[in-house]
Amino acid sequence: MVEARTQAARLWNLQRQGQVGTLAPIDGHEAVVAATAHALDPTHDWILPQYREPLALQRFGPEVLEQYMLYNIGHPDGSRFPPSVRVAPLQISLATQIPHAVGLAWGMTLQDEPGVTTVFFGDGSSSEGDFHEAANLAGVLKAPVILLCANNQWAISTPLHQQTAAETLADRAVGYGMPGVRIDGNDAAAVFDAVDEARQRALDGGGPTLIEAVVYRLGAHTTADDPTRYVPAEDLEAARRDDPIERLADHLVGLGLWDDETRSAVEAEAMTRVDEAFERAIAQPLATDAIFDHCFATDTPRMARQRAALLDGAP
């Protein structure tokens, strides 16, 4: 969690320097993402992120940071994870990763593969048709998928009460024939337990679970956002007093498992890792015509003409 917060701050600075593109900070979501990753099995389970999660998914392999950095500088290889890493590429289009997660889970069932899929999405995505269609299909198929909604109270600048009249997002689960669980997303242990229980249920053939992890976005939606224009200052101040990192840190200090020296060492290592990943990313070769790769198995006639024109230096 500390690594993710530290690296997110570094990426924010790199974006302000014009060295990486627009990105969505993870601040306030660290417990939801990191605890989920630790409740899953990197060998058999799949994670389908939205766009905040990668920095806290590094348990699934060091390649996650490498690919995320390539993605942030706009390199095409950033959207192509190695086959050994069971993390799907980032998804910017809201909720479109949720049907993919259900399909992947169904495919694993058909092939008798052990494991589950977990898909991250926000409260705003829960208003999209893709969420409802995917949840309905998951319930019908009893697909081994965990639908994990990080409810951070804001769909960019739209507050939750303007998105839905439902008392909770977890309540929607009953309409799809699955359990709905609402948890404190600032409590890493509560997140771990909820995901672990949902995973075991899925492995036992019990089907999907919808988990609503309630958090608060502690910063901007993205680097292109100014939350001071719509987030009440008193709400943000209250949320920062319940920072998920500080809550877990206080608990671990009490157990003698964490201190300032350890934290400083973790932050320094995280900074070194993200800087090294950035240097490797900008050194990654990029073919002139790479923009046309991975669109179709073979170029369409129009793409072929465009590729040839680009390589020939035509305007």
C-alpha atoms as a PDB file:
ATOM      1  CA  MET A   1       0.000   0.000   0.000  1.00  0.00           C
ATOM      2  CA  VAL A   2       2.842   2.384   0.847  1.00  0.00           C
ATOM      3  CA  GLU A   3       4.644   1.435  -2.355  1.00  0.00           C
ATOM      4  CA  ALA A   4       1.540   2.226  -4.401  1.00  0.00           C
ATOM      5  CA  ARG A   5       0.999   5.625  -2.723  1.00  0.00           C
ATOM      6  CA  THR A   6       4.671   6.541  -3.142  1.00  0.00           C
ATOM      7  CA  GLN A   7       4.810   5.526  -6.790  1.00  0.00           C
ATOM      8  CA  ALA A   8       1.525   7.285  -7.554  1.00  0.00           C
ATOM      9  CA  ALA A   9       2.997  10.535  -6.206  1.00  0.00           C
ATOM     10  CA  ARG A  10       6.061  10.070  -8.378  1.00  0.00           C
ATOM     11  CA  LEU A  11       3.926   9.468 -11.475  1.00  0.00           C
ATOM     12  CA  TRP A  12       1.872  12.559 -10.675  1.00  0.00           C
ATOM     13  CA  ASN A  13       5.077  14.608 -10.757  1.00  0.00           C
ATOM     14  CA  LEU A  14       6.207  12.971 -13.990  1.00  0.00           C
ATOM     15  CA  GLN A  15       2.855  13.823 -15.562  1.00  0.00           C
ATOM     16  CA  ARG A  16       3.181  17.445 -14.490  1.00  0.00           C
ATOM     17  CA  GLN A  17       6.608  17.458 -16.167  1.00  0.00           C
ATOM     18  CA  GLY A  18       5.021  16.195 -19.386  1.00  0.00           C
ATOM     19  CA  GLN A  19       6.858  12.867 -19.270  1.00  0.00           C
ATOM     20  CA  VAL A  20       3.834  10.572 -18.846  1.00  0.00           C
ATOM     21  CA  GLY A  21       0.217  10.890 -19.913  1.00  0.00           C
ATOM     22  CA  THR A  22      -2.977  11.452 -17.965  1.00  0.00           C
ATOM     23  CA  LEU A  23      -3.380   8.969 -15.118  1.00  0.00           C
ATOM     24  CA  ALA A  24      -5.719   8.195 -12.230  1.00  0.00           C
ATOM     25  CA  PRO A  25      -4.097   8.283  -8.750  1.00  0.00           C
ATOM     26  CA  ILE A  26      -4.750   5.374  -6.405  1.00  0.00           C
ATOM     27  CA  ASP A  27      -4.884   7.512  -3.233  1.00  0.00           C
ATOM     28  CA  GLY A  28      -7.584   6.172  -0.911  1.00  0.00           C
ATOM     29  CA  HIS A  29      -8.008   2.865  -2.771  1.00  0.00           C
ATOM     30  CA  GLU A  30      -4.826   1.143  -1.625  1.00  0.00           C
ATOM     31  CA  ALA A  31      -6.423  -1.189   0.932  1.00  0.00           C
ATOM     32  CA  VAL A  32      -9.099  -2.361  -1.506  1.00  0.00           C
ATOM     33  CA  VAL A  33      -6.618  -3.227  -4.231  1.00  0.00           C
ATOM     34  CA  ALA A  34      -3.654  -4.547  -2.242  1.00  0.00           C
ATOM     35  CA  ALA A  35      -5.742  -6.677   0.117  1.00  0.00           C
ATOM     36  CA  THR A  36      -7.642  -8.139  -2.827  1.00  0.00           C
ATOM     37  CA  ALA A  37      -4.402  -9.054  -4.582  1.00  0.00           C
ATOM     38  CA  HIS A  38      -3.206 -10.853  -1.449  1.00  0.00           C
ATOM     39  CA  ALA A  39      -6.476 -12.762  -1.094  1.00  0.00           C
ATOM     40  CA  LEU A  40      -6.124 -14.152  -4.615  1.00  0.00           C
ATOM     41  CA  ASP A  41      -3.796 -16.731  -6.170  1.00  0.00           C
ATOM     42  CA  PRO A  42      -1.499 -15.247  -8.848  1.00  0.00           C
ATOM     43  CA  THR A  43      -1.003 -18.709 -10.348  1.00  0.00           C
ATOM     44  CA  HIS A  44      -4.667 -19.515 -11.008  1.00  0.00           C
ATOM     45  CA  ASP A  45      -6.761 -16.340 -10.564  1.00  0.00           C
ATOM     46  CA  TRP A  46      -7.220 -13.426 -12.938  1.00  0.00           C
ATOM     47  CA  ILE A  47      -7.547  -9.700 -12.209  1.00  0.00           C
ATOM     48  CA  LEU A  48      -9.194  -7.279 -14.602  1.00  0.00           C
ATOM     49  CA  PRO A  49      -8.420  -3.727 -13.463  1.00  0.00           C
ATOM     50  CA  GLN A  50     -10.034  -0.496 -14.463  1.00  0.00           C
ATOM     51  CA  TYR A  51      -7.379   2.255 -14.351  1.00  0.00           C
ATOM     52  CA  ARG A  52      -6.356   3.010 -10.723  1.00  0.00           C
ATOM     53  CA  GLU A  53      -5.223  -0.392  -9.612  1.00  0.00           C
ATOM     54  CA  PRO A  54      -1.916  -1.475 -11.233  1.00  0.00           C
ATOM     55  CA  LEU A  55       0.483   0.003  -8.675  1.00  0.00           C
ATOM     56  CA  ALA A  56      -1.093  -2.135  -5.924  1.00  0.00           C
ATOM     57  CA  LEU A  57      -1.201  -5.319  -8.030  1.00  0.00           C
ATOM     58  CA  GLN A  58       2.516  -5.995  -8.103  1.00  0.00           C
ATOM     59  CA  ARG A  59       2.047  -9.217  -6.135  1.00  0.00           C
ATOM     60  CA  PHE A  60       0.958 -10.678  -9.472  1.00  0.00           C
ATOM     61  CA  GLY A  61       4.438 -10.044 -10.881  1.00  0.00           C
ATOM     62  CA  PRO A  62       7.031  -7.296 -11.355  1.00  0.00           C
ATOM     63  CA  GLU A  63       5.868  -7.070 -14.951  1.00  0.00           C
ATOM     64  CA  VAL A  64       2.769  -5.210 -13.758  1.00  0.00           C
ATOM     65  CA  LEU A  65       4.817  -2.108 -12.934  1.00  0.00           C
ATOM     66  CA  GLU A  66       6.856  -2.444 -16.135  1.00  0.00           C
ATOM     67  CA  GLN A  67       3.771  -2.651 -18.354  1.00  0.00           C
ATOM     68  CA  TYR A  68       2.006   0.120 -16.469  1.00  0.00           C
ATOM     69  CA  MET A  69       4.946   2.431 -17.049  1.00  0.00           C
ATOM     70  CA  LEU A  70       4.995   1.606 -20.767  1.00  0.00           C
ATOM     71  CA  TYR A  71       1.274   2.332 -20.871  1.00  0.00           C
ATOM     72  CA  ASN A  72       1.754   5.705 -19.198  1.00  0.00           C
ATOM     73  CA  ILE A  73       4.294   6.873 -21.780  1.00  0.00           C
ATOM     74  CA  GLY A  74       2.019   5.745 -24.612  1.00  0.00           C
ATOM     75  CA  HIS A  75       4.067   2.754 -25.734  1.00  0.00           C
ATOM     76  CA  PRO A  76       1.885   0.090 -27.446  1.00  0.00           C
ATOM     77  CA  ASP A  77       3.528  -2.702 -25.452  1.00  0.00           C
ATOM     78  CA  GLY A  78       1.958  -1.251 -22.315  1.00  0.00           C
ATOM     79  CA  SER A  79      -1.366  -2.814 -23.283  1.00  0.00           C
ATOM     80  CA  ARG A  80       0.040  -6.292 -23.764  1.00  0.00           C
ATOM     81  CA  PHE A  81       0.883  -8.193 -20.593  1.00  0.00           C
ATOM     82  CA  PRO A  82       3.043 -11.337 -20.778  1.00  0.00           C
ATOM     83  CA  PRO A  83       1.029 -14.599 -20.802  1.00  0.00           C
ATOM     84  CA  SER A  84       2.484 -15.534 -17.409  1.00  0.00           C
ATOM     85  CA  VAL A  85       0.909 -12.481 -15.727  1.00  0.00           C
ATOM     86  CA  ARG A  86      -2.779 -12.944 -14.968  1.00  0.00           C
ATOM     87  CA  VAL A  87      -3.611  -9.249 -15.056  1.00  0.00           C
ATOM     88  CA  ALA A  88      -5.514  -7.792 -17.993  1.00  0.00           C
ATOM     89  CA  PRO A  89      -4.523  -4.447 -19.538  1.00  0.00           C
ATOM     90  CA  LEU A  90      -6.045  -1.247 -18.191  1.00  0.00           C
ATOM     91  CA  GLN A  91      -9.538  -0.303 -19.319  1.00  0.00           C
ATOM     92  CA  ILE A  92     -10.495   3.333 -19.685  1.00  0.00           C
ATOM     93  CA  SER A  93     -13.985   2.843 -21.165  1.00  0.00           C
ATOM     94  CA  LEU A  94     -16.202   2.536 -18.104  1.00  0.00           C
ATOM     95  CA  ALA A  95     -17.418  -0.959 -17.198  1.00  0.00           C
ATOM     96  CA  THR A  96     -16.392  -2.651 -20.442  1.00  0.00           C
ATOM     97  CA  GLN A  97     -13.978  -4.875 -18.539  1.00  0.00           C
ATOM     98  CA  ILE A  98     -16.840  -6.385 -16.507  1.00  0.00           C
ATOM     99  CA  PRO A  99     -18.353  -8.498 -19.331  1.00  0.00           C
ATOM    100  CA  HIS A 100     -14.809  -9.593 -20.185  1.00  0.00           C
ATOM    101  CA  ALA A 101     -14.326 -10.794 -16.611  1.00  0.00           C
ATOM    102  CA  VAL A 102     -17.543 -12.802 -16.711  1.00  0.00           C
ATOM    103  CA  GLY A 103     -16.612 -14.304 -20.055  1.00  0.00           C
ATOM    104  CA  LEU A 104     -13.172 -15.224 -18.798  1.00  0.00           C
ATOM    105  CA  ALA A 105     -14.637 -16.840 -15.687  1.00  0.00           C
ATOM    106  CA  TRP A 106     -17.124 -18.794 -17.790  1.00  0.00           C
ATOM    107  CA  GLY A 107     -14.318 -19.945 -20.072  1.00  0.00           C
ATOM    108  CA  MET A 108     -12.317 -21.164 -17.084  1.00  0.00           C
ATOM    109  CA  THR A 109     -15.352 -23.153 -15.953  1.00  0.00           C
ATOM    110  CA  LEU A 110     -15.825 -24.734 -19.379  1.00  0.00           C
ATOM    111  CA  GLN A 111     -12.166 -25.752 -19.441  1.00  0.00           C
ATOM    112  CA  ASP A 112     -12.175 -27.025 -15.839  1.00  0.00           C
ATOM    113  CA  GLU A 113      -9.482 -24.523 -14.871  1.00  0.00           C
ATOM    114  CA  PRO A 114      -9.145 -23.830 -11.151  1.00  0.00           C
ATOM    115  CA  GLY A 115      -9.365 -20.208 -10.154  1.00  0.00           C
ATOM    116  CA  VAL A 116     -11.603 -17.155 -10.239  1.00  0.00           C
ATOM    117  CA  THR A 117     -11.631 -13.789 -11.933  1.00  0.00           C
ATOM    118  CA  THR A 118     -11.879 -10.501 -10.051  1.00  0.00           C
ATOM    119  CA  VAL A 119     -12.866  -7.298 -11.775  1.00  0.00           C
ATOM    120  CA  PHE A 120     -12.411  -3.811 -10.319  1.00  0.00           C
ATOM    121  CA  PHE A 121     -14.751  -0.954 -11.166  1.00  0.00           C
ATOM    122  CA  GLY A 122     -16.042   2.216  -9.561  1.00  0.00           C
ATOM    123  CA  ASP A 123     -19.430   3.466  -8.434  1.00  0.00           C
ATOM    124  CA  GLY A 124     -19.775   5.385 -11.689  1.00  0.00           C
ATOM    125  CA  SER A 125     -19.250   2.201 -13.689  1.00  0.00           C
ATOM    126  CA  SER A 126     -22.076   0.545 -11.756  1.00  0.00           C
ATOM    127  CA  SER A 127     -24.451   2.886 -13.594  1.00  0.00           C
ATOM    128  CA  GLU A 128     -23.335   1.596 -16.987  1.00  0.00           C
ATOM    129  CA  GLY A 129     -25.320  -1.005 -18.905  1.00  0.00           C
ATOM    130  CA  ASP A 130     -22.265  -3.250 -19.181  1.00  0.00           C
ATOM    131  CA  PHE A 131     -22.284  -3.738 -15.417  1.00  0.00           C
ATOM    132  CA  HIS A 132     -25.917  -4.813 -15.300  1.00  0.00           C
ATOM    133  CA  GLU A 133     -25.653  -7.102 -18.331  1.00  0.00           C
ATOM    134  CA  ALA A 134     -22.492  -8.730 -16.996  1.00  0.00           C
ATOM    135  CA  ALA A 135     -23.911  -9.165 -13.490  1.00  0.00           C
ATOM    136  CA  ASN A 136     -27.061 -10.743 -14.888  1.00  0.00           C
ATOM    137  CA  LEU A 137     -25.061 -13.170 -17.050  1.00  0.00           C
ATOM    138  CA  ALA A 138     -22.737 -14.015 -14.158  1.00  0.00           C
ATOM    139  CA  GLY A 139     -25.699 -14.907 -11.969  1.00  0.00           C
ATOM    140  CA  VAL A 140     -27.314 -17.079 -14.638  1.00  0.00           C
ATOM    141  CA  LEU A 141     -24.068 -18.924 -15.375  1.00  0.00           C
ATOM    142  CA  LYS A 142     -22.923 -19.075 -11.748  1.00  0.00           C
ATOM    143  CA  ALA A 143     -19.613 -17.837 -13.087  1.00  0.00           C
ATOM    144  CA  PRO A 144     -16.665 -17.829 -10.656  1.00  0.00           C
ATOM    145  CA  VAL A 145     -16.230 -14.068 -10.723  1.00  0.00           C
ATOM    146  CA  ILE A 146     -15.895 -11.433  -8.001  1.00  0.00           C
ATOM    147  CA  LEU A 147     -17.423  -8.091  -8.963  1.00  0.00           C
ATOM    148  CA  LEU A 148     -15.511  -5.606  -6.817  1.00  0.00           C
ATOM    149  CA  CYS A 149     -16.914  -2.097  -6.784  1.00  0.00           C
ATOM    150  CA  ALA A 150     -14.674   0.502  -5.163  1.00  0.00           C
ATOM    151  CA  ASN A 151     -17.302   3.042  -4.183  1.00  0.00           C
ATOM    152  CA  ASN A 152     -15.274   6.204  -3.684  1.00  0.00           C
ATOM    153  CA  GLN A 153     -18.393   8.425  -3.566  1.00  0.00           C
ATOM    154  CA  TRP A 154     -17.648  10.236  -6.832  1.00  0.00           C
ATOM    155  CA  ALA A 155     -18.097   9.432 -10.531  1.00  0.00           C
ATOM    156  CA  ILE A 156     -15.582  12.086 -11.548  1.00  0.00           C
ATOM    157  CA  SER A 157     -17.600  15.079 -10.219  1.00  0.00           C
ATOM    158  CA  THR A 158     -21.000  13.390  -9.805  1.00  0.00           C
ATOM    159  CA  PRO A 159     -21.722  12.445  -6.173  1.00  0.00           C
ATOM    160  CA  LEU A 160     -23.170   9.043  -5.383  1.00  0.00           C
ATOM    161  CA  HIS A 161     -26.613  10.330  -4.402  1.00  0.00           C
ATOM    162  CA  GLN A 162     -27.055  11.699  -7.930  1.00  0.00           C
ATOM    163  CA  GLN A 163     -26.114   8.348  -9.470  1.00  0.00           C
ATOM    164  CA  THR A 164     -28.597   6.036  -7.770  1.00  0.00           C
ATOM    165  CA  ALA A 165     -31.573   5.980  -5.434  1.00  0.00           C
ATOM    166  CA  ALA A 166     -30.487   2.598  -4.069  1.00  0.00           C
ATOM    167  CA  GLU A 167     -29.535   2.601  -0.406  1.00  0.00           C
ATOM    168  CA  THR A 168     -26.347   0.689  -1.217  1.00  0.00           C
ATOM    169  CA  LEU A 169     -24.738  -0.588  -4.405  1.00  0.00           C
ATOM    170  CA  ALA A 170     -24.416  -4.034  -2.827  1.00  0.00           C
ATOM    171  CA  ASP A 171     -28.222  -4.206  -2.675  1.00  0.00           C
ATOM    172  CA  ARG A 172     -28.282  -4.582  -6.446  1.00  0.00           C
ATOM    173  CA  ALA A 173     -26.845  -8.085  -6.129  1.00  0.00           C
ATOM    174  CA  VAL A 174     -30.174  -9.636  -5.144  1.00  0.00           C
ATOM    175  CA  GLY A 175     -31.600  -8.815  -8.570  1.00  0.00           C
ATOM    176  CA  TYR A 176     -28.913 -10.951 -10.164  1.00  0.00           C
ATOM    177  CA  GLY A 177     -29.161 -13.909  -7.818  1.00  0.00           C
ATOM    178  CA  MET A 178     -25.859 -13.422  -6.045  1.00  0.00           C
ATOM    179  CA  PRO A 179     -24.691 -12.304  -2.585  1.00  0.00           C
ATOM    180  CA  GLY A 180     -24.055  -8.605  -2.124  1.00  0.00           C
ATOM    181  CA  VAL A 181     -21.502  -7.628   0.510  1.00  0.00           C
ATOM    182  CA  ARG A 182     -20.810  -4.079   1.701  1.00  0.00           C
ATOM    183  CA  ILE A 183     -17.528  -3.533   3.533  1.00  0.00           C
ATOM    184  CA  ASP A 184     -15.299  -0.761   4.844  1.00  0.00           C
ATOM    185  CA  GLY A 185     -12.775  -0.389   2.038  1.00  0.00           C
ATOM    186  CA  ASN A 186     -10.342   1.408   4.350  1.00  0.00           C
ATOM    187  CA  ASP A 187      -9.972  -1.781   6.408  1.00  0.00           C
ATOM    188  CA  ALA A 188      -7.450  -4.017   4.649  1.00  0.00           C
ATOM    189  CA  ALA A 189      -8.336  -7.015   6.818  1.00  0.00           C
ATOM    190  CA  ALA A 190     -12.057  -6.646   6.063  1.00  0.00           C
ATOM    191  CA  VAL A 191     -11.305  -6.481   2.337  1.00  0.00           C
ATOM    192  CA  PHE A 192      -9.085  -9.561   2.527  1.00  0.00           C
ATOM    193  CA  ASP A 193     -11.739 -11.554   4.386  1.00  0.00           C
ATOM    194  CA  ALA A 194     -14.546 -10.564   2.013  1.00  0.00           C
ATOM    195  CA  VAL A 195     -12.540 -11.430  -1.100  1.00  0.00           C
ATOM    196  CA  ASP A 196     -11.254 -14.663   0.423  1.00  0.00           C
ATOM    197  CA  GLU A 197     -14.805 -15.745   1.273  1.00  0.00           C
ATOM    198  CA  ALA A 198     -16.110 -14.803  -2.176  1.00  0.00           C
ATOM    199  CA  ARG A 199     -13.243 -16.657  -3.835  1.00  0.00           C
ATOM    200  CA  GLN A 200     -13.872 -19.824  -1.844  1.00  0.00           C
ATOM    201  CA  ARG A 201     -17.564 -19.638  -2.620  1.00  0.00           C
ATOM    202  CA  ALA A 202     -16.829 -19.337  -6.344  1.00  0.00           C
ATOM    203  CA  LEU A 203     -14.380 -22.243  -6.264  1.00  0.00           C
ATOM    204  CA  ASP A 204     -17.028 -24.357  -4.537  1.00  0.00           C
ATOM    205  CA  GLY A 205     -19.462 -23.713  -7.381  1.00  0.00           C
ATOM    206  CA  GLY A 206     -21.479 -21.037  -5.569  1.00  0.00           C
ATOM    207  CA  GLY A 207     -21.128 -18.493  -8.353  1.00  0.00           C
ATOM    208  CA  PRO A 208     -20.409 -14.756  -8.301  1.00  0.00           C
ATOM    209  CA  THR A 209     -20.336 -12.205  -5.502  1.00  0.00           C
ATOM    210  CA  LEU A 210     -20.773  -8.444  -5.665  1.00  0.00           C
ATOM    211  CA  ILE A 211     -18.575  -6.631  -3.149  1.00  0.00           C
ATOM    212  CA  GLU A 212     -19.064  -2.925  -2.496  1.00  0.00           C
ATOM    213  CA  ALA A 213     -15.961  -1.541  -0.798  1.00  0.00           C
ATOM    214  CA  VAL A 214     -16.747   1.912   0.547  1.00  0.00           C
ATOM    215  CA  VAL A 215     -13.805   4.314   0.396  1.00  0.00           C
ATOM    216  CA  TYR A 216     -13.262   8.002  -0.336  1.00  0.00           C
ATOM    217  CA  ARG A 217     -11.168   9.361  -3.160  1.00  0.00           C
ATOM    218  CA  LEU A 218      -8.363  11.259  -1.437  1.00  0.00           C
ATOM    219  CA  GLY A 219      -7.245  13.196  -4.477  1.00  0.00           C
ATOM    220  CA  ALA A 220      -8.218  14.077  -8.015  1.00  0.00           C
ATOM    221  CA  HIS A 221     -10.117  11.725 -10.298  1.00  0.00           C
ATOM    222  CA  THR A 222      -7.230  12.032 -12.753  1.00  0.00           C
ATOM    223  CA  THR A 223      -4.390  14.435 -13.401  1.00  0.00           C
ATOM    224  CA  ALA A 224      -6.822  16.340 -15.646  1.00  0.00           C
ATOM    225  CA  ASP A 225      -9.248  16.983 -12.773  1.00  0.00           C
ATOM    226  CA  ASP A 226      -9.590  19.766 -10.185  1.00  0.00           C
ATOM    227  CA  PRO A 227     -11.539  18.280  -7.245  1.00  0.00           C
ATOM    228  CA  THR A 228     -11.464  21.555  -5.295  1.00  0.00           C
ATOM    229  CA  ARG A 229     -14.264  22.750  -7.593  1.00  0.00           C
ATOM    230  CA  TYR A 230     -16.758  20.196  -6.313  1.00  0.00           C
ATOM    231  CA  VAL A 231     -15.477  18.104  -3.362  1.00  0.00           C
ATOM    232  CA  PRO A 232     -16.482  19.670  -0.016  1.00  0.00           C
ATOM    233  CA  ALA A 233     -13.282  20.462   1.866  1.00  0.00           C
ATOM    234  CA  GLU A 234     -14.716  19.196   5.158  1.00  0.00           C
ATOM    235  CA  ASP A 235     -15.605  15.825   3.609  1.00  0.00           C
ATOM    236  CA  LEU A 236     -12.109  15.380   2.232  1.00  0.00           C
ATOM    237  CA  GLU A 237     -10.550  16.371   5.554  1.00  0.00           C
ATOM    238  CA  ALA A 238     -12.676  13.801   7.393  1.00  0.00           C
ATOM    239  CA  ALA A 239     -11.741  11.113   4.867  1.00  0.00           C
ATOM    240  CA  ARG A 240      -8.045  11.843   5.272  1.00  0.00           C
ATOM    241  CA  ARG A 241      -8.357  11.256   9.000  1.00  0.00           C
ATOM    242  CA  ASP A 242      -9.333   7.685   8.104  1.00  0.00           C
ATOM    243  CA  ASP A 243      -6.597   7.136   5.517  1.00  0.00           C
ATOM    244  CA  PRO A 244      -6.382   3.359   4.864  1.00  0.00           C
ATOM    245  CA  ILE A 245      -2.593   3.401   4.988  1.00  0.00           C
ATOM    246  CA  GLU A 246      -2.453   5.210   8.302  1.00  0.00           C
ATOM    247  CA  ARG A 247      -5.109   2.940   9.776  1.00  0.00           C
ATOM    248  CA  LEU A 248      -3.144  -0.197   8.918  1.00  0.00           C
ATOM    249  CA  ALA A 249       0.152   1.427   9.915  1.00  0.00           C
ATOM    250  CA  ASP A 250      -1.203   2.260  13.385  1.00  0.00           C
ATOM    251  CA  HIS A 251      -2.357  -1.326  13.810  1.00  0.00           C
ATOM    252  CA  LEU A 252       0.992  -2.770  12.738  1.00  0.00           C
ATOM    253  CA  VAL A 253       2.904  -0.365  14.986  1.00  0.00           C
ATOM    254  CA  GLY A 254       0.882  -1.677  17.892  1.00  0.00           C
ATOM    255  CA  LEU A 255       1.942  -5.201  16.954  1.00  0.00           C
ATOM    256  CA  GLY A 256       5.593  -4.211  16.667  1.00  0.00           C
ATOM    257  CA  LEU A 257       5.614  -4.951  12.914  1.00  0.00           C
ATOM    258  CA  TRP A 258       6.021  -1.426  11.531  1.00  0.00           C
ATOM    259  CA  ASP A 259       7.887   1.767  12.356  1.00  0.00           C
ATOM    260  CA  ASP A 260       9.106   4.971  10.742  1.00  0.00           C
ATOM    261  CA  GLU A 261      12.414   3.425   9.720  1.00  0.00           C
ATOM    262  CA  THR A 262      10.696   0.558   7.942  1.00  0.00           C
ATOM    263  CA  ARG A 263       8.316   2.925   6.204  1.00  0.00           C
ATOM    264  CA  SER A 264      11.148   5.141   4.989  1.00  0.00           C
ATOM    265  CA  ALA A 265      12.949   2.107   3.595  1.00  0.00           C
ATOM    266  CA  VAL A 266       9.821   0.934   1.771  1.00  0.00           C
ATOM    267  CA  GLU A 267       9.245   4.394   0.313  1.00  0.00           C
ATOM    268  CA  ALA A 268      12.855   4.657  -0.859  1.00  0.00           C
ATOM    269  CA  GLU A 269      12.730   1.235  -2.510  1.00  0.00           C
ATOM    270  CA  ALA A 270       9.407   2.050  -4.160  1.00  0.00           C
ATOM    271  CA  MET A 271      10.811   5.286  -5.555  1.00  0.00           C
ATOM    272  CA  THR A 272      13.864   3.508  -6.918  1.00  0.00           C
ATOM    273  CA  ARG A 273      11.727   0.844  -8.578  1.00  0.00           C
ATOM    274  CA  VAL A 274       9.391   3.303 -10.261  1.00  0.00           C
ATOM    275  CA  ASP A 275      12.278   5.473 -11.502  1.00  0.00           C
ATOM    276  CA  GLU A 276      14.086   2.445 -12.904  1.00  0.00           C
ATOM    277  CA  ALA A 277      10.889   1.248 -14.591  1.00  0.00           C
ATOM    278  CA  PHE A 278      10.463   4.687 -16.145  1.00  0.00           C
ATOM    279  CA  GLU A 279      14.010   4.681 -17.494  1.00  0.00           C
ATOM    280  CA  ARG A 280      13.479   1.221 -18.999  1.00  0.00           C
ATOM    281  CA  ALA A 281      10.199   2.337 -20.519  1.00  0.00           C
ATOM    282  CA  ILE A 282      11.596   5.376 -22.312  1.00  0.00           C
ATOM    283  CA  ALA A 283      14.484   3.242 -23.581  1.00  0.00           C
ATOM    284  CA  GLN A 284      12.099   0.652 -25.055  1.00  0.00           C
ATOM    285  CA  PRO A 285      12.390   0.635 -28.868  1.00  0.00           C
ATOM    286  CA  LEU A 286       9.336   1.823 -30.761  1.00  0.00           C
ATOM    287  CA  ALA A 287       8.850   1.051 -34.439  1.00  0.00           C
ATOM    288  CA  THR A 288       7.696   3.936 -36.611  1.00  0.00           C
ATOM    289  CA  ASP A 289       4.584   2.038 -37.677  1.00  0.00           C
ATOM    290  CA  ALA A 290       3.792   0.480 -34.278  1.00  0.00           C
ATOM    291  CA  ILE A 291       0.481   2.358 -34.140  1.00  0.00           C
ATOM    292  CA  PHE A 292      -0.931  -0.105 -36.677  1.00  0.00           C
ATOM    293  CA  ASP A 293       0.080  -3.229 -34.756  1.00  0.00           C
ATOM    294  CA  HIS A 294      -2.414  -5.331 -32.753  1.00  0.00           C
ATOM    295  CA  CYS A 295      -5.461  -3.875 -34.529  1.00  0.00           C
ATOM    296  CA  PHE A 296      -6.195  -6.812 -36.828  1.00  0.00           C
ATOM    297  CA  ALA A 297      -4.473 -10.132 -37.548  1.00  0.00           C
ATOM    298  CA  THR A 298      -3.503  -8.630 -40.920  1.00  0.00           C
ATOM    299  CA  ASP A 299      -3.753  -5.013 -42.032  1.00  0.00           C
ATOM    300  CA  THR A 300      -6.916  -3.937 -43.793  1.00  0.00           C
ATOM    301  CA  PRO A 301      -6.304  -2.424 -47.246  1.00  0.00           C
ATOM    302  CA  ARG A 302      -6.649   1.101 -45.843  1.00  0.00           C
ATOM    303  CA  MET A 303      -4.286   0.368 -42.945  1.00  0.00           C
ATOM    304  CA  ALA A 304      -1.774  -1.144 -45.344  1.00  0.00           C
ATOM    305  CA  ARG A 305      -1.787   2.048 -47.422  1.00  0.00           C
ATOM    306  CA  GLN A 306      -1.457   4.185 -44.295  1.00  0.00           C
ATOM    307  CA  ARG A 307       1.396   2.062 -42.934  1.00  0.00           C
ATOM    308  CA  ALA A 308       3.238   2.270 -46.241  1.00  0.00           C
ATOM    309  CA  ALA A 309       2.737   6.027 -46.434  1.00  0.00           C
ATOM    310  CA  LEU A 310       4.045   6.488 -42.915  1.00  0.00           C
ATOM    311  CA  LEU A 311       7.113   4.372 -43.535  1.00  0.00           C
ATOM    312  CA  ASP A 312       7.760   6.273 -46.774  1.00  0.00           C
ATOM    313  CA  GLY A 313       7.575   9.553 -44.910  1.00  0.00           C
ATOM    314  CA  ALA A 314       4.530  10.803 -46.826  1.00  0.00           C
ATOM    315  CA  PRO A 315       2.458  13.590 -45.187  1.00  0.00           C
END
